[in-house]
Amino acid sequence: MCIFAARNIKCKEDMSIDTYKLTSMEEPTDEVLSQLMREAAEEAAKKRTEATAQFFSQLKSDAQKIEASW
């Protein structure tokens, strides 16, 4: 499917995750959107895991400081 925009004809068949820009005037293909969402979910899961590990590490450190002060 091709879209006419700003005197240029762009075809969605040419769109890939490497060429699509979020600021683009055209809608992403279902495949590109799916990949963008999958990558965002993977990044969020990774950051959640790191934040949880950091939280419990800090919690353990604080508990040891409190225990040492008794």
PDB file of N, CA and C in Angstrom:
ATOM      1  N   MET A   1       0.841  -1.173   0.000  1.00  0.00           N
ATOM      2  CA  MET A   1       0.000   0.000   0.000  1.00  0.00           C
ATOM      3  C   MET A   1       0.884   1.233   0.000  1.00  0.00           C
ATOM      4  N   CYS A   2       0.586   2.208  -0.833  1.00  0.00           N
ATOM      5  CA  CYS A   2       1.374   3.432  -0.923  1.00  0.00           C
ATOM      6  C   CYS A   2       0.545   4.614  -0.452  1.00  0.00           C
ATOM      7  N   ILE A   3       1.224   5.601   0.117  1.00  0.00           N
ATOM      8  CA  ILE A   3       0.563   6.797   0.628  1.00  0.00           C
ATOM      9  C   ILE A   3       1.182   8.005  -0.048  1.00  0.00           C
ATOM     10  N   PHE A   4       0.344   8.936  -0.491  1.00  0.00           N
ATOM     11  CA  PHE A   4       0.837  10.172  -1.060  1.00  0.00           C
ATOM     12  C   PHE A   4       0.898  11.219   0.039  1.00  0.00           C
ATOM     13  N   ALA A   5       2.074  11.759   0.277  1.00  0.00           N
ATOM     14  CA  ALA A   5       2.216  12.782   1.325  1.00  0.00           C
ATOM     15  C   ALA A   5       3.324  13.742   0.936  1.00  0.00           C
ATOM     16  N   ALA A   6       3.043  15.021   1.017  1.00  0.00           N
ATOM     17  CA  ALA A   6       4.011  16.080   0.753  1.00  0.00           C
ATOM     18  C   ALA A   6       4.739  15.883  -0.580  1.00  0.00           C
ATOM     19  N   ARG A   7       3.975  15.588  -1.602  1.00  0.00           N
ATOM     20  CA  ARG A   7       4.485  15.417  -2.961  1.00  0.00           C
ATOM     21  C   ARG A   7       5.414  14.226  -3.140  1.00  0.00           C
ATOM     22  N   ASN A   8       5.477  13.382  -2.154  1.00  0.00           N
ATOM     23  CA  ASN A   8       6.284  12.169  -2.268  1.00  0.00           C
ATOM     24  C   ASN A   8       5.371  10.970  -2.103  1.00  0.00           C
ATOM     25  N   ILE A   9       5.656   9.942  -2.831  1.00  0.00           N
ATOM     26  CA  ILE A   9       4.899   8.712  -2.657  1.00  0.00           C
ATOM     27  C   ILE A   9       5.770   7.767  -1.846  1.00  0.00           C
ATOM     28  N   LYS A  10       5.224   7.347  -0.742  1.00  0.00           N
ATOM     29  CA  LYS A  10       5.957   6.426   0.124  1.00  0.00           C
ATOM     30  C   LYS A  10       5.174   5.135   0.206  1.00  0.00           C
ATOM     31  N   CYS A  11       5.856   4.038   0.098  1.00  0.00           N
ATOM     32  CA  CYS A  11       5.204   2.738   0.166  1.00  0.00           C
ATOM     33  C   CYS A  11       5.486   2.091   1.511  1.00  0.00           C
ATOM     34  N   LYS A  12       4.445   1.580   2.146  1.00  0.00           N
ATOM     35  CA  LYS A  12       4.619   0.916   3.426  1.00  0.00           C
ATOM     36  C   LYS A  12       5.443  -0.350   3.291  1.00  0.00           C
ATOM     37  N   GLU A  13       5.478  -0.940   2.099  1.00  0.00           N
ATOM     38  CA  GLU A  13       6.269  -2.146   1.910  1.00  0.00           C
ATOM     39  C   GLU A  13       7.762  -1.882   2.148  1.00  0.00           C
ATOM     40  N   ASP A  14       8.177  -0.614   1.949  1.00  0.00           N
ATOM     41  CA  ASP A  14       9.587  -0.249   2.129  1.00  0.00           C
ATOM     42  C   ASP A  14       9.928   0.040   3.588  1.00  0.00           C
ATOM     43  N   MET A  15       8.924   0.087   4.444  1.00  0.00           N
ATOM     44  CA  MET A  15       9.124   0.453   5.838  1.00  0.00           C
ATOM     45  C   MET A  15       9.694  -0.725   6.630  1.00  0.00           C
ATOM     46  N   SER A  16      10.658  -0.414   7.475  1.00  0.00           N
ATOM     47  CA  SER A  16      11.205  -1.417   8.379  1.00  0.00           C
ATOM     48  C   SER A  16      11.482  -0.738   9.710  1.00  0.00           C
ATOM     49  N   ILE A  17      11.807  -1.524  10.698  1.00  0.00           N
ATOM     50  CA  ILE A  17      12.111  -0.970  12.014  1.00  0.00           C
ATOM     51  C   ILE A  17      13.318  -0.039  11.937  1.00  0.00           C
ATOM     52  N   ASP A  18      14.208  -0.283  10.985  1.00  0.00           N
ATOM     53  CA  ASP A  18      15.408   0.547  10.842  1.00  0.00           C
ATOM     54  C   ASP A  18      15.123   1.870  10.142  1.00  0.00           C
ATOM     55  N   THR A  19      14.073   1.917   9.330  1.00  0.00           N
ATOM     56  CA  THR A  19      13.798   3.139   8.567  1.00  0.00           C
ATOM     57  C   THR A  19      12.641   3.950   9.121  1.00  0.00           C
ATOM     58  N   TYR A  20      11.800   3.352   9.965  1.00  0.00           N
ATOM     59  CA  TYR A  20      10.637   4.075  10.487  1.00  0.00           C
ATOM     60  C   TYR A  20      11.056   5.061  11.558  1.00  0.00           C
ATOM     61  N   LYS A  21      10.531   6.261  11.484  1.00  0.00           N
ATOM     62  CA  LYS A  21      10.774   7.295  12.489  1.00  0.00           C
ATOM     63  C   LYS A  21       9.461   7.562  13.217  1.00  0.00           C
ATOM     64  N   LEU A  22       9.502   7.656  14.534  1.00  0.00           N
ATOM     65  CA  LEU A  22       8.294   7.906  15.310  1.00  0.00           C
ATOM     66  C   LEU A  22       7.651   9.239  14.951  1.00  0.00           C
ATOM     67  N   THR A  23       8.429  10.160  14.402  1.00  0.00           N
ATOM     68  CA  THR A  23       7.899  11.464  14.016  1.00  0.00           C
ATOM     69  C   THR A  23       7.372  11.454  12.587  1.00  0.00           C
ATOM     70  N   SER A  24       7.381  10.300  11.966  1.00  0.00           N
ATOM     71  CA  SER A  24       6.924  10.180  10.585  1.00  0.00           C
ATOM     72  C   SER A  24       5.458  10.560  10.469  1.00  0.00           C
ATOM     73  N   MET A  25       5.061  11.077   9.333  1.00  0.00           N
ATOM     74  CA  MET A  25       3.673  11.440   9.081  1.00  0.00           C
ATOM     75  C   MET A  25       2.840  10.227   8.695  1.00  0.00           C
ATOM     76  N   GLU A  26       3.476   9.122   8.422  1.00  0.00           N
ATOM     77  CA  GLU A  26       2.733   7.931   8.030  1.00  0.00           C
ATOM     78  C   GLU A  26       2.669   6.927   9.174  1.00  0.00           C
ATOM     79  N   GLU A  27       1.628   6.159   9.169  1.00  0.00           N
ATOM     80  CA  GLU A  27       1.424   5.139  10.190  1.00  0.00           C
ATOM     81  C   GLU A  27       2.389   3.978   9.962  1.00  0.00           C
ATOM     82  N   PRO A  28       2.888   3.376  11.050  1.00  0.00           N
ATOM     83  CA  PRO A  28       3.774   2.216  10.874  1.00  0.00           C
ATOM     84  C   PRO A  28       2.964   1.006  10.415  1.00  0.00           C
ATOM     85  N   THR A  29       3.646   0.092   9.761  1.00  0.00           N
ATOM     86  CA  THR A  29       2.982  -1.156   9.393  1.00  0.00           C
ATOM     87  C   THR A  29       2.721  -1.947  10.673  1.00  0.00           C
ATOM     88  N   ASP A  30       1.850  -2.910  10.589  1.00  0.00           N
ATOM     89  CA  ASP A  30       1.571  -3.748  11.754  1.00  0.00           C
ATOM     90  C   ASP A  30       2.831  -4.438  12.251  1.00  0.00           C
ATOM     91  N   GLU A  31       3.685  -4.863  11.316  1.00  0.00           N
ATOM     92  CA  GLU A  31       4.916  -5.548  11.695  1.00  0.00           C
ATOM     93  C   GLU A  31       5.862  -4.611  12.433  1.00  0.00           C
ATOM     94  N   VAL A  32       6.014  -3.388  11.926  1.00  0.00           N
ATOM     95  CA  VAL A  32       6.897  -2.405  12.570  1.00  0.00           C
ATOM     96  C   VAL A  32       6.343  -2.026  13.935  1.00  0.00           C
ATOM     97  N   LEU A  33       5.051  -1.783  14.026  1.00  0.00           N
ATOM     98  CA  LEU A  33       4.441  -1.434  15.304  1.00  0.00           C
ATOM     99  C   LEU A  33       4.605  -2.564  16.312  1.00  0.00           C
ATOM    100  N   SER A  34       4.407  -3.779  15.864  1.00  0.00           N
ATOM    101  CA  SER A  34       4.569  -4.941  16.742  1.00  0.00           C
ATOM    102  C   SER A  34       5.998  -5.032  17.257  1.00  0.00           C
ATOM    103  N   GLN A  35       6.970  -4.817  16.381  1.00  0.00           N
ATOM    104  CA  GLN A  35       8.374  -4.884  16.801  1.00  0.00           C
ATOM    105  C   GLN A  35       8.705  -3.742  17.762  1.00  0.00           C
ATOM    106  N   LEU A  36       8.209  -2.538  17.492  1.00  0.00           N
ATOM    107  CA  LEU A  36       8.447  -1.409  18.399  1.00  0.00           C
ATOM    108  C   LEU A  36       7.890  -1.704  19.787  1.00  0.00           C
ATOM    109  N   MET A  37       6.680  -2.243  19.830  1.00  0.00           N
ATOM    110  CA  MET A  37       6.056  -2.555  21.116  1.00  0.00           C
ATOM    111  C   MET A  37       6.794  -3.688  21.828  1.00  0.00           C
ATOM    112  N   ARG A  38       7.240  -4.687  21.093  1.00  0.00           N
ATOM    113  CA  ARG A  38       7.984  -5.796  21.687  1.00  0.00           C
ATOM    114  C   ARG A  38       9.297  -5.295  22.287  1.00  0.00           C
ATOM    115  N   GLU A  39      10.008  -4.426  21.543  1.00  0.00           N
ATOM    116  CA  GLU A  39      11.264  -3.890  22.055  1.00  0.00           C
ATOM    117  C   GLU A  39      11.043  -2.997  23.277  1.00  0.00           C
ATOM    118  N   ALA A  40       9.971  -2.228  23.276  1.00  0.00           N
ATOM    119  CA  ALA A  40       9.666  -1.381  24.438  1.00  0.00           C
ATOM    120  C   ALA A  40       9.357  -2.248  25.656  1.00  0.00           C
ATOM    121  N   ALA A  41       8.623  -3.333  25.454  1.00  0.00           N
ATOM    122  CA  ALA A  41       8.293  -4.240  26.560  1.00  0.00           C
ATOM    123  C   ALA A  41       9.549  -4.913  27.105  1.00  0.00           C
ATOM    124  N   GLU A  42      10.445  -5.316  26.217  1.00  0.00           N
ATOM    125  CA  GLU A  42      11.703  -5.941  26.657  1.00  0.00           C
ATOM    126  C   GLU A  42      12.539  -4.961  27.461  1.00  0.00           C
ATOM    127  N   GLU A  43      12.611  -3.718  26.995  1.00  0.00           N
ATOM    128  CA  GLU A  43      13.371  -2.679  27.705  1.00  0.00           C
ATOM    129  C   GLU A  43      12.760  -2.402  29.081  1.00  0.00           C
ATOM    130  N   ALA A  44      11.448  -2.330  29.149  1.00  0.00           N
ATOM    131  CA  ALA A  44      10.763  -2.080  30.424  1.00  0.00           C
ATOM    132  C   ALA A  44      11.000  -3.230  31.400  1.00  0.00           C
ATOM    133  N   ALA A  45      10.955  -4.456  30.915  1.00  0.00           N
ATOM    134  CA  ALA A  45      11.193  -5.614  31.780  1.00  0.00           C
ATOM    135  C   ALA A  45      12.624  -5.608  32.308  1.00  0.00           C
ATOM    136  N   LYS A  46      13.572  -5.264  31.456  1.00  0.00           N
ATOM    137  CA  LYS A  46      14.974  -5.202  31.874  1.00  0.00           C
ATOM    138  C   LYS A  46      15.168  -4.123  32.944  1.00  0.00           C
ATOM    139  N   LYS A  47      14.587  -2.942  32.723  1.00  0.00           N
ATOM    140  CA  LYS A  47      14.725  -1.858  33.696  1.00  0.00           C
ATOM    141  C   LYS A  47      14.037  -2.200  35.011  1.00  0.00           C
ATOM    142  N   ARG A  48      12.885  -2.876  34.935  1.00  0.00           N
ATOM    143  CA  ARG A  48      12.183  -3.290  36.160  1.00  0.00           C
ATOM    144  C   ARG A  48      13.047  -4.254  36.965  1.00  0.00           C
ATOM    145  N   THR A  49      13.667  -5.218  36.291  1.00  0.00           N
ATOM    146  CA  THR A  49      14.531  -6.189  36.960  1.00  0.00           C
ATOM    147  C   THR A  49      15.710  -5.490  37.637  1.00  0.00           C
ATOM    148  N   GLU A  50      16.329  -4.554  36.917  1.00  0.00           N
ATOM    149  CA  GLU A  50      17.467  -3.816  37.476  1.00  0.00           C
ATOM    150  C   GLU A  50      17.041  -2.957  38.669  1.00  0.00           C
ATOM    151  N   ALA A  51      15.898  -2.284  38.553  1.00  0.00           N
ATOM    152  CA  ALA A  51      15.411  -1.430  39.643  1.00  0.00           C
ATOM    153  C   ALA A  51      15.055  -2.259  40.880  1.00  0.00           C
ATOM    154  N   THR A  52      14.463  -3.428  40.665  1.00  0.00           N
ATOM    155  CA  THR A  52      14.109  -4.300  41.788  1.00  0.00           C
ATOM    156  C   THR A  52      15.365  -4.780  42.507  1.00  0.00           C
ATOM    157  N   ALA A  53      16.373  -5.194  41.736  1.00  0.00           N
ATOM    158  CA  ALA A  53      17.633  -5.643  42.336  1.00  0.00           C
ATOM    159  C   ALA A  53      18.297  -4.508  43.116  1.00  0.00           C
ATOM    160  N   GLN A  54      18.291  -3.306  42.549  1.00  0.00           N
ATOM    161  CA  GLN A  54      18.888  -2.156  43.236  1.00  0.00           C
ATOM    162  C   GLN A  54      18.108  -1.829  44.514  1.00  0.00           C
ATOM    163  N   PHE A  55      16.792  -1.897  44.466  1.00  0.00           N
ATOM    164  CA  PHE A  55      15.960  -1.616  45.640  1.00  0.00           C
ATOM    165  C   PHE A  55      16.280  -2.569  46.779  1.00  0.00           C
ATOM    166  N   PHE A  56      16.308  -3.880  46.483  1.00  0.00           N
ATOM    167  CA  PHE A  56      16.562  -4.852  47.544  1.00  0.00           C
ATOM    168  C   PHE A  56      18.010  -4.796  48.036  1.00  0.00           C
ATOM    169  N   SER A  57      18.930  -4.432  47.166  1.00  0.00           N
ATOM    170  CA  SER A  57      20.316  -4.247  47.595  1.00  0.00           C
ATOM    171  C   SER A  57      20.413  -3.078  48.578  1.00  0.00           C
ATOM    172  N   GLN A  58      19.742  -1.984  48.258  1.00  0.00           N
ATOM    173  CA  GLN A  58      19.740  -0.820  49.146  1.00  0.00           C
ATOM    174  C   GLN A  58      19.031  -1.147  50.452  1.00  0.00           C
ATOM    175  N   LEU A  59      17.941  -1.880  50.369  1.00  0.00           N
ATOM    176  CA  LEU A  59      17.196  -2.287  51.563  1.00  0.00           C
ATOM    177  C   LEU A  59      18.074  -3.141  52.484  1.00  0.00           C
ATOM    178  N   LYS A  60      18.805  -4.080  51.901  1.00  0.00           N
ATOM    179  CA  LYS A  60      19.696  -4.936  52.684  1.00  0.00           C
ATOM    180  C   LYS A  60      20.813  -4.119  53.326  1.00  0.00           C
ATOM    181  N   SER A  61      21.370  -3.187  52.555  1.00  0.00           N
ATOM    182  CA  SER A  61      22.427  -2.323  53.069  1.00  0.00           C
ATOM    183  C   SER A  61      21.927  -1.478  54.240  1.00  0.00           C
ATOM    184  N   ASP A  62      20.756  -0.911  54.094  1.00  0.00           N
ATOM    185  CA  ASP A  62      20.180  -0.089  55.173  1.00  0.00           C
ATOM    186  C   ASP A  62      19.890  -0.943  56.411  1.00  0.00           C
ATOM    187  N   ALA A  63      19.395  -2.153  56.202  1.00  0.00           N
ATOM    188  CA  ALA A  63      19.110  -3.042  57.330  1.00  0.00           C
ATOM    189  C   ALA A  63      20.389  -3.390  58.069  1.00  0.00           C
ATOM    190  N   GLN A  64      21.480  -3.625  57.341  1.00  0.00           N
ATOM    191  CA  GLN A  64      22.758  -3.941  57.980  1.00  0.00           C
ATOM    192  C   GLN A  64      23.285  -2.755  58.775  1.00  0.00           C
ATOM    193  N   LYS A  65      23.085  -1.542  58.273  1.00  0.00           N
ATOM    194  CA  LYS A  65      23.511  -0.339  58.997  1.00  0.00           C
ATOM    195  C   LYS A  65      22.714  -0.189  60.300  1.00  0.00           C
ATOM    196  N   ILE A  66      21.430  -0.444  60.223  1.00  0.00           N
ATOM    197  CA  ILE A  66      20.589  -0.343  61.421  1.00  0.00           C
ATOM    198  C   ILE A  66      20.994  -1.420  62.432  1.00  0.00           C
ATOM    199  N   GLU A  67      21.207  -2.624  61.954  1.00  0.00           N
ATOM    200  CA  GLU A  67      21.600  -3.734  62.827  1.00  0.00           C
ATOM    201  C   GLU A  67      22.941  -3.448  63.507  1.00  0.00           C
ATOM    202  N   ALA A  68      23.874  -2.838  62.774  1.00  0.00           N
ATOM    203  CA  ALA A  68      25.198  -2.537  63.323  1.00  0.00           C
ATOM    204  C   ALA A  68      25.134  -1.441  64.386  1.00  0.00           C
ATOM    205  N   SER A  69      24.124  -0.598  64.288  1.00  0.00           N
ATOM    206  CA  SER A  69      24.018   0.508  65.259  1.00  0.00           C
ATOM    207  C   SER A  69      23.388   0.082  66.578  1.00  0.00           C
ATOM    208  N   TRP A  70      22.914  -1.155  66.681  1.00  0.00           N
ATOM    209  CA  TRP A  70      22.294  -1.634  67.914  1.00  0.00           C
ATOM    210  C   TRP A  70      23.336  -2.009  68.852  1.00  0.00           C
TER     211      TRP A  70
END
